[in-house]
Amino acid sequence: MASASVRGPYAWLGIREHPYDPQARFVTSYVLPPLYLALWRTVIALYTFVTLILVYAFNGVQEFSYFTVLTYWGVWAYHTISAIQTFSFYWDLRRWSKSQSSQDPSIDAEKARSDEDGQYSDKAQSWLSRYFPRPLQFAHSLLFSTICSFPLIVTIVFWTVLKDGAFDSMRTTWQNLSVHALNLVFAYLDILVLGREAMRPWSHLFFVVFLIACYVGVAYITYADQHFYTYDFLNQGEHGTGTVAGYVVAIGVATVVSFLVGQFAIFIREYVAAKLLPSEGHWGTAQVRSVPDDALVPTKLGPGPEGEGGRRHNAEDGWRQRLSFDSLSATPRKRQSIATDRSRAEHGEIIEA
């Protein structure tokens, strides 16, 4: 019995399965066991939080107006929440492990009840998956989408346009390296190496562009209230309306490109992991570090934006999805065969590999 499909607006927002994140992608890794992943995220959360406090202490509350600092808050928030969620998954995984070695008949009864109501309470799940309401699940997913996009924009714009005086003193050197370089390192270590999050739903591209457009409004509100431009290239009086409009459009295009770069980075991680680690031959099916397949809720979807890619199966799962590396360029007839197999599997038929 696999996770249940979700329909309606939440499916468009990327919440396509119940329980949410059935394969625990937000809280597991191909490289680190869950406990070490949680500890790593805790370290990054502590470092970014201390950095933010010192930035405000050095420069004042006007730092709230800078997109760089707001993005850094996002990096802190994602690692903080993810650390908590990963710890919660680690604790639940320990509970699951103990239940597998226990002879207590009540455990079998719990499993029967969970299979009947579809909640999978016997499986290892994080608080994000087990308890969070869907609006908060979407918020967490969108937060990760911003982490895939905004740090790259911040780093490129600063080091190409705004870097003058970046190394004038020890303090400014540390601050600029922390918020304009390590921000991207922290984000992409999770995206490309340590994390296991799925590719972002395409609908999130709209929200990411919308959020950065809203920031342009915030920049002009800051000028009206505090009489300074957070970024000089937004100064219409100095550069002219047409030039500023061009900068704004360029930032919008850069946002789209950075989102696509994040998507490609996740795909590359899944592809390489499936090649280097034990897998079922499809991108997206690499074995999770220190987490048995049977501890996770079976899923019908791969890690692609629309559920593309392979997915691992466990003892309860009777078929293998046949979307392999070669099927990325499959003929229409082959794609129809894959779709037919998926439909038959969802109705309980056994599909031979």
Protein backbone atom coordinates (compact mmCIF):
# COMPACT_ATOMS: atom_id res chain seq x y z
CA MET A 1 0.00 0.00 0.00
CA ALA A 2 1.60 3.23 -1.17
CA SER A 3 1.04 6.80 -0.08
CA ALA A 4 -2.30 8.31 -1.08
CA SER A 5 -2.53 10.92 -3.82
CA VAL A 6 -3.60 14.47 -2.95
CA ARG A 7 -5.79 16.39 -5.39
CA GLY A 8 -6.84 20.01 -5.67
CA PRO A 9 -4.83 23.20 -5.00
CA TYR A 10 -2.31 21.49 -2.74
CA ALA A 11 -1.31 19.11 -5.52
CA TRP A 12 -0.49 22.16 -7.67
CA LEU A 13 1.54 23.57 -4.78
CA GLY A 14 3.61 20.39 -4.63
CA ILE A 15 1.80 18.57 -1.80
CA ARG A 16 0.93 15.51 -3.90
CA GLU A 17 1.02 12.67 -1.38
CA HIS A 18 -0.36 11.78 2.02
CA PRO A 19 1.52 11.43 4.26
CA TYR A 20 3.68 14.31 3.07
CA ASP A 21 7.29 13.45 2.19
CA PRO A 22 6.66 9.68 2.46
CA GLN A 23 10.28 8.85 1.63
CA ALA A 24 11.61 11.33 4.23
CA ARG A 25 13.63 13.20 1.61
CA PHE A 26 13.74 16.39 3.67
CA VAL A 27 15.39 14.61 6.61
CA THR A 28 17.67 11.95 5.11
CA SER A 29 20.88 11.86 3.11
CA TYR A 30 22.86 9.68 0.74
CA VAL A 31 26.03 10.66 2.63
CA LEU A 32 25.24 11.09 6.34
CA PRO A 33 23.11 9.07 8.77
CA PRO A 34 20.10 11.05 10.06
CA LEU A 35 21.72 11.92 13.39
CA TYR A 36 24.86 13.36 11.78
CA LEU A 37 22.75 15.23 9.23
CA ALA A 38 20.76 16.77 12.08
CA LEU A 39 23.95 17.75 13.89
CA TRP A 40 25.42 19.31 10.74
CA ARG A 41 22.29 21.36 10.16
CA THR A 42 22.37 22.44 13.80
CA VAL A 43 25.94 23.70 13.42
CA ILE A 44 25.02 25.72 10.32
CA ALA A 45 21.91 27.08 12.05
CA LEU A 46 24.00 28.25 15.02
CA TYR A 47 26.67 29.84 12.83
CA THR A 48 24.17 31.72 10.66
CA PHE A 49 22.21 32.90 13.71
CA VAL A 50 25.33 34.26 15.42
CA THR A 51 26.31 35.93 12.15
CA LEU A 52 22.93 37.65 11.89
CA ILE A 53 23.10 38.91 15.48
CA LEU A 54 26.58 40.36 14.90
CA VAL A 55 25.55 41.94 11.59
CA TYR A 56 22.72 43.77 13.35
CA ALA A 57 25.01 44.72 16.22
CA PHE A 58 27.59 46.19 13.82
CA ASN A 59 25.27 47.88 11.32
CA GLY A 60 21.94 48.52 13.03
CA VAL A 61 18.37 47.53 12.31
CA GLN A 62 18.49 48.95 8.77
CA GLU A 63 20.02 45.61 7.80
CA PHE A 64 16.45 44.28 7.77
CA SER A 65 16.01 46.17 4.50
CA TYR A 66 18.71 44.31 2.56
CA PHE A 67 17.81 41.34 0.39
CA THR A 68 21.17 39.77 1.27
CA VAL A 69 20.30 39.70 4.96
CA LEU A 70 16.71 38.57 4.36
CA THR A 71 18.07 35.70 2.26
CA TYR A 72 20.50 34.84 5.05
CA TRP A 73 17.55 34.70 7.44
CA GLY A 74 16.07 32.16 5.04
CA VAL A 75 19.25 30.06 5.13
CA TRP A 76 19.13 30.17 8.94
CA ALA A 77 15.42 29.33 9.05
CA TYR A 78 15.75 26.37 6.70
CA HIS A 79 18.68 24.83 8.56
CA THR A 80 17.05 25.44 11.94
CA ILE A 81 13.71 23.90 11.03
CA SER A 82 15.38 21.09 9.08
CA ALA A 83 17.62 20.28 12.04
CA ILE A 84 14.58 19.96 14.30
CA GLN A 85 12.74 17.85 11.73
CA THR A 86 15.78 15.64 11.17
CA PHE A 87 16.17 15.04 14.90
CA SER A 88 12.47 14.14 15.07
CA PHE A 89 12.95 11.64 12.23
CA TYR A 90 16.00 10.14 13.94
CA TRP A 91 14.00 9.58 17.12
CA ASP A 92 11.13 8.04 15.18
CA LEU A 93 13.55 5.84 13.24
CA ARG A 94 14.87 4.51 16.55
CA ARG A 95 11.29 3.74 17.59
CA TRP A 96 10.76 1.90 14.30
CA SER A 97 13.97 -0.08 14.74
CA LYS A 98 12.95 -1.18 18.22
CA SER A 99 9.51 -2.19 16.97
CA GLN A 100 11.08 -4.47 14.37
CA SER A 101 12.95 -6.44 17.01
CA SER A 102 10.11 -6.46 19.54
CA GLN A 103 7.81 -9.44 20.04
CA ASP A 104 5.04 -7.29 21.51
CA PRO A 105 1.76 -8.24 19.73
CA SER A 106 0.49 -4.70 20.20
CA ILE A 107 2.97 -3.58 17.54
CA ASP A 108 1.29 -5.80 14.94
CA ALA A 109 -2.06 -4.34 15.97
CA GLU A 110 -0.70 -0.83 15.54
CA LYS A 111 0.59 -1.72 12.09
CA ALA A 112 -2.79 -3.14 11.10
CA ARG A 113 -4.56 0.01 12.26
CA SER A 114 -2.08 2.26 10.46
CA ASP A 115 -2.45 0.31 7.22
CA GLU A 116 -6.22 0.49 7.54
CA ASP A 117 -6.45 4.25 8.04
CA GLY A 118 -3.56 5.07 5.69
CA GLN A 119 -1.60 7.05 8.28
CA TYR A 120 1.41 4.70 8.40
CA SER A 121 1.96 5.37 12.09
CA ASP A 122 4.28 2.34 12.18
CA LYS A 123 6.70 3.95 9.71
CA ALA A 124 9.50 6.36 10.59
CA GLN A 125 8.33 9.91 9.90
CA SER A 126 9.40 13.40 10.89
CA TRP A 127 7.11 15.88 12.60
CA LEU A 128 6.87 17.64 9.23
CA SER A 129 5.29 14.55 7.72
CA ARG A 130 3.28 13.29 10.68
CA TYR A 131 1.92 16.40 12.41
CA PHE A 132 2.34 19.58 10.34
CA PRO A 133 -0.82 20.89 8.64
CA ARG A 134 -0.61 21.26 4.89
CA PRO A 135 -0.11 25.06 4.89
CA LEU A 136 3.03 24.59 6.99
CA GLN A 137 4.18 21.70 4.81
CA PHE A 138 3.85 23.97 1.78
CA ALA A 139 5.67 26.77 3.62
CA HIS A 140 8.58 24.44 4.40
CA SER A 141 8.72 23.24 0.81
CA LEU A 142 8.62 26.81 -0.54
CA LEU A 143 11.33 27.84 1.92
CA PHE A 144 13.59 25.19 0.40
CA SER A 145 12.72 26.48 -3.08
CA THR A 146 13.94 29.94 -2.07
CA ILE A 147 17.15 28.37 -0.74
CA CYS A 148 17.63 26.83 -4.18
CA SER A 149 17.35 30.27 -5.83
CA PHE A 150 18.11 33.35 -3.73
CA PRO A 151 21.63 32.61 -2.34
CA LEU A 152 22.94 32.15 -5.87
CA ILE A 153 21.50 35.55 -6.91
CA VAL A 154 22.92 37.27 -3.83
CA THR A 155 26.40 35.85 -4.37
CA ILE A 156 26.59 36.59 -8.10
CA VAL A 157 25.20 40.14 -7.82
CA PHE A 158 27.46 41.07 -4.91
CA TRP A 159 30.73 39.77 -6.33
CA THR A 160 30.06 41.18 -9.82
CA VAL A 161 28.47 44.55 -8.99
CA LEU A 162 28.73 45.48 -5.30
CA LYS A 163 32.03 44.08 -4.04
CA ASP A 164 33.91 47.41 -3.69
CA GLY A 165 35.29 47.70 -0.17
CA ALA A 166 34.44 44.10 0.67
CA PHE A 167 37.86 43.53 2.28
CA ASP A 168 38.51 46.94 3.86
CA SER A 169 38.79 45.52 7.38
CA MET A 170 38.79 42.24 9.24
CA ARG A 171 35.16 42.73 10.24
CA THR A 172 33.88 43.59 6.75
CA THR A 173 35.90 40.73 5.28
CA TRP A 174 34.33 38.21 7.67
CA GLN A 175 30.85 39.68 7.20
CA ASN A 176 30.99 39.69 3.41
CA LEU A 177 32.43 36.19 3.21
CA SER A 178 29.73 34.95 5.60
CA VAL A 179 26.67 36.49 3.95
CA HIS A 180 27.87 36.69 0.33
CA ALA A 181 29.89 33.48 -0.03
CA LEU A 182 29.21 31.01 2.77
CA ASN A 183 25.48 31.57 2.22
CA LEU A 184 25.82 29.82 -1.14
CA VAL A 185 28.18 27.17 0.25
CA PHE A 186 25.74 26.26 3.03
CA ALA A 187 22.77 26.18 0.64
CA TYR A 188 24.44 24.10 -2.05
CA LEU A 189 26.05 21.68 0.38
CA ASP A 190 22.50 20.72 1.36
CA ILE A 191 21.14 20.85 -2.19
CA LEU A 192 23.95 19.08 -4.02
CA VAL A 193 25.70 16.85 -1.48
CA LEU A 194 24.22 16.32 1.98
CA GLY A 195 20.48 16.67 1.42
CA ARG A 196 18.07 14.44 -0.42
CA GLU A 197 15.21 16.81 -1.18
CA ALA A 198 13.21 16.23 -4.36
CA MET A 199 13.25 18.60 -7.33
CA ARG A 200 11.02 21.62 -6.86
CA PRO A 201 7.46 21.75 -8.22
CA TRP A 202 7.32 24.08 -11.23
CA SER A 203 4.59 26.10 -9.52
CA HIS A 204 7.19 27.27 -6.99
CA LEU A 205 8.94 29.24 -9.73
CA PHE A 206 5.97 31.63 -9.72
CA PHE A 207 6.25 32.15 -5.96
CA VAL A 208 10.01 32.65 -6.06
CA VAL A 209 9.72 35.33 -8.76
CA PHE A 210 6.79 36.91 -6.93
CA LEU A 211 8.78 37.12 -3.69
CA ILE A 212 11.74 38.85 -5.30
CA ALA A 213 9.35 41.25 -7.06
CA CYS A 214 7.87 42.06 -3.67
CA TYR A 215 11.35 42.86 -2.42
CA VAL A 216 11.70 45.59 -5.05
CA GLY A 217 8.65 47.18 -3.44
CA VAL A 218 10.25 46.82 -0.02
CA ALA A 219 13.38 48.59 -1.31
CA TYR A 220 11.34 51.62 -2.37
CA ILE A 221 9.38 51.59 0.89
CA THR A 222 12.74 51.73 2.66
CA TYR A 223 13.77 54.74 0.55
CA ALA A 224 10.50 56.54 1.28
CA ASP A 225 10.81 55.88 5.01
CA GLN A 226 14.57 56.02 5.67
CA HIS A 227 15.80 57.96 2.62
CA PHE A 228 18.42 55.55 1.32
CA TYR A 229 18.53 52.93 -1.42
CA THR A 230 19.46 49.46 -0.25
CA TYR A 231 21.04 48.87 -3.66
CA ASP A 232 22.35 51.72 -5.74
CA PHE A 233 21.16 50.28 -9.05
CA LEU A 234 17.55 50.92 -7.88
CA ASN A 235 18.19 54.69 -7.73
CA GLN A 236 16.00 56.16 -10.50
CA GLY A 237 17.31 59.66 -9.93
CA GLU A 238 20.88 58.61 -10.68
CA HIS A 239 20.38 55.94 -13.33
CA GLY A 240 17.04 56.82 -14.92
CA THR A 241 13.79 54.90 -14.98
CA GLY A 242 14.64 52.87 -18.08
CA THR A 243 17.96 51.66 -16.69
CA VAL A 244 16.43 50.75 -13.35
CA ALA A 245 13.61 48.89 -15.13
CA GLY A 246 16.28 46.98 -17.04
CA TYR A 247 18.01 46.03 -13.79
CA VAL A 248 14.71 44.84 -12.31
CA VAL A 249 13.95 42.71 -15.38
CA ALA A 250 17.50 41.30 -15.25
CA ILE A 251 17.02 40.34 -11.61
CA GLY A 252 13.76 38.61 -12.57
CA VAL A 253 15.51 36.67 -15.33
CA ALA A 254 18.36 35.80 -12.95
CA THR A 255 15.79 34.45 -10.50
CA VAL A 256 14.37 32.12 -13.12
CA VAL A 257 17.87 30.98 -14.12
CA SER A 258 18.90 30.40 -10.49
CA PHE A 259 15.75 28.32 -9.93
CA LEU A 260 16.63 26.20 -12.97
CA VAL A 261 20.22 25.83 -11.74
CA GLY A 262 18.86 24.53 -8.44
CA GLN A 263 16.64 22.06 -10.28
CA PHE A 264 19.57 20.84 -12.35
CA ALA A 265 21.77 20.51 -9.25
CA ILE A 266 19.17 18.27 -7.57
CA PHE A 267 18.82 16.16 -10.71
CA ILE A 268 22.60 15.77 -10.96
CA ARG A 269 22.74 14.71 -7.30
CA GLU A 270 20.08 12.06 -7.88
CA TYR A 271 21.69 10.86 -11.11
CA VAL A 272 25.19 10.59 -9.66
CA ALA A 273 23.95 8.99 -6.43
CA ALA A 274 22.13 6.31 -8.42
CA LYS A 275 25.34 5.62 -10.35
CA LEU A 276 27.68 5.53 -7.35
CA LEU A 277 25.50 4.01 -4.63
CA PRO A 278 23.38 0.84 -4.51
CA SER A 279 20.24 1.65 -6.51
CA GLU A 280 17.52 0.09 -8.62
CA GLY A 281 19.00 1.38 -11.86
CA HIS A 282 17.00 4.59 -12.15
CA TRP A 283 17.89 8.14 -11.20
CA GLY A 284 16.24 8.87 -7.89
CA THR A 285 16.56 5.34 -6.51
CA ALA A 286 19.89 5.46 -4.67
CA GLN A 287 19.91 3.80 -1.25
CA VAL A 288 19.45 6.13 1.72
CA ARG A 289 22.28 6.19 4.24
CA SER A 290 21.45 4.22 7.42
CA VAL A 291 17.70 4.07 6.75
CA PRO A 292 16.15 0.72 5.68
CA ASP A 293 13.65 0.92 2.83
CA ASP A 294 10.98 -0.74 4.98
CA ALA A 295 11.17 2.11 7.50
CA LEU A 296 9.78 4.54 4.89
CA VAL A 297 6.29 4.93 3.50
CA PRO A 298 6.05 3.45 -0.03
CA THR A 299 5.50 6.07 -2.71
CA LYS A 300 4.15 6.14 -6.24
CA LEU A 301 6.25 9.14 -7.28
CA GLY A 302 9.88 9.77 -8.13
CA PRO A 303 11.84 12.89 -7.13
CA GLY A 304 11.13 14.85 -10.32
CA PRO A 305 9.03 18.06 -10.33
CA GLU A 306 5.98 16.11 -11.52
CA GLY A 307 6.92 12.78 -9.96
CA GLU A 308 9.36 11.75 -12.69
CA GLY A 309 12.28 9.49 -11.97
CA GLY A 310 12.54 6.15 -10.25
CA ARG A 311 11.55 5.34 -6.71
CA ARG A 312 12.71 2.71 -4.29
CA HIS A 313 10.37 -0.08 -3.23
CA ASN A 314 10.25 -2.12 -0.07
CA ALA A 315 8.82 -5.46 1.03
CA GLU A 316 5.25 -4.12 0.87
CA ASP A 317 5.73 -2.80 -2.63
CA GLY A 318 5.17 -5.20 -5.49
CA TRP A 319 6.46 -3.42 -8.57
CA ARG A 320 9.36 -1.41 -9.93
CA GLN A 321 8.81 1.80 -11.81
CA ARG A 322 10.38 1.48 -15.23
CA LEU A 323 11.41 5.09 -15.80
CA SER A 324 15.13 4.59 -16.32
CA PHE A 325 17.96 6.79 -17.51
CA ASP A 326 17.21 5.90 -21.13
CA SER A 327 13.52 6.78 -20.81
CA LEU A 328 14.34 10.48 -20.58
CA SER A 329 14.37 10.30 -24.39
CA ALA A 330 11.76 7.55 -24.67
CA THR A 331 9.45 7.24 -27.65
CA PRO A 332 5.73 8.06 -27.20
CA ARG A 333 4.94 4.33 -27.34
CA LYS A 334 7.44 3.60 -24.55
CA ARG A 335 6.09 6.47 -22.44
CA GLN A 336 2.59 5.04 -22.91
CA SER A 337 3.89 1.64 -21.76
CA ILE A 338 5.37 3.24 -18.63
CA ALA A 339 2.10 5.03 -17.92
CA THR A 340 0.14 1.79 -18.39
CA ASP A 341 2.44 -0.05 -15.98
CA ARG A 342 2.04 2.71 -13.40
CA SER A 343 -1.75 2.60 -13.74
CA ARG A 344 -1.83 -1.19 -13.37
CA ALA A 345 0.45 -1.03 -10.33
CA GLU A 346 -1.72 1.56 -8.64
CA HIS A 347 -4.66 -0.84 -9.00
CA GLY A 348 -2.75 -3.61 -7.30
CA GLU A 349 -1.42 -5.56 -10.28
CA ILE A 350 2.14 -6.87 -10.21
CA ILE A 351 4.41 -5.48 -12.92
CA GLU A 352 7.46 -7.49 -13.89
CA ALA A 353 10.72 -5.54 -14.18
